[in-house]
Amino acid sequence: MAKEIKFWDKYIQLVLFAYQTKELRILKQILYKLVYGKKLALVIDYKLYGSIIIKRLLEIIDKVS
């Protein structure tokens, strides 16, 4: 695929995100949870995880500032 795509480095983050959010067949778990120890909260799931998303965003803001 790298031969077909000229600027493959722009797609690395998307590929990693797709890989980390896919459920592993053997473990029946998402890789993100195994690596980071917490459930993945996507913006699309705001109705379900709105408070978690806001909490994480505030944590990121605190770390950056």
Protein backbone atom coordinates (compact mmCIF):
# COMPACT_ATOMS: atom_id res chain seq x y z
CA MET A 1 0.00 0.00 0.00
CA ALA A 2 2.92 2.36 0.68
CA LYS A 3 3.88 2.12 -2.99
CA GLU A 4 0.42 3.36 -4.01
CA ILE A 5 0.25 6.22 -1.54
CA LYS A 6 2.81 8.92 -2.06
CA PHE A 7 2.54 10.54 1.36
CA TRP A 8 2.04 7.42 3.51
CA ASP A 9 3.32 9.20 6.64
CA LYS A 10 0.10 11.24 6.74
CA TYR A 11 -1.93 8.05 7.20
CA ILE A 12 0.00 6.50 10.09
CA GLN A 13 -2.15 8.07 12.80
CA LEU A 14 -5.35 6.91 11.11
CA VAL A 15 -4.06 3.37 10.71
CA LEU A 16 -2.88 3.22 14.33
CA PHE A 17 -6.21 4.55 15.56
CA ALA A 18 -8.09 1.94 13.54
CA TYR A 19 -5.81 -0.80 14.88
CA GLN A 20 -6.08 0.34 18.50
CA THR A 21 -9.88 0.60 18.40
CA LYS A 22 -10.46 -2.81 16.83
CA GLU A 23 -11.47 -5.68 19.08
CA LEU A 24 -8.88 -8.44 19.23
CA ARG A 25 -10.46 -11.79 18.37
CA ILE A 26 -8.41 -13.84 20.81
CA LEU A 27 -8.80 -11.58 23.85
CA LYS A 28 -12.24 -10.15 23.02
CA GLN A 29 -10.96 -6.73 24.11
CA ILE A 30 -10.00 -3.51 22.41
CA LEU A 31 -6.25 -2.92 22.29
CA TYR A 32 -6.72 0.64 23.59
CA LYS A 33 -8.11 -0.68 26.88
CA LEU A 34 -5.28 -3.17 27.28
CA VAL A 35 -2.64 -0.50 26.65
CA TYR A 36 -4.12 2.44 28.57
CA GLY A 37 -6.25 0.62 31.15
CA LYS A 38 -9.41 2.58 30.45
CA LYS A 39 -12.34 2.41 28.11
CA LEU A 40 -12.10 4.37 24.89
CA ALA A 41 -14.54 7.29 24.78
CA LEU A 42 -15.14 8.71 21.33
CA VAL A 43 -16.88 11.99 20.60
CA ILE A 44 -19.46 10.04 18.62
CA ASP A 45 -20.39 8.28 21.90
CA TYR A 46 -20.97 11.60 23.69
CA LYS A 47 -24.47 10.66 24.88
CA LEU A 48 -23.06 7.58 26.60
CA TYR A 49 -19.70 8.91 27.78
CA GLY A 50 -20.13 12.71 27.80
CA SER A 51 -18.92 13.19 31.36
CA ILE A 52 -15.86 10.97 30.77
CA ILE A 53 -14.92 12.91 27.64
CA ILE A 54 -15.23 16.26 29.42
CA LYS A 55 -13.18 14.97 32.36
CA ARG A 56 -10.38 13.76 30.06
CA LEU A 57 -10.36 17.02 28.11
CA LEU A 58 -10.00 18.97 31.35
CA GLU A 59 -7.12 16.68 32.40
CA ILE A 60 -5.38 17.35 29.08
CA ILE A 61 -5.87 21.09 29.43
CA ASP A 62 -4.38 20.98 32.94
CA LYS A 63 -1.32 19.09 31.70
CA VAL A 64 -0.74 21.48 28.81
CA SER A 65 -1.12 24.69 30.77
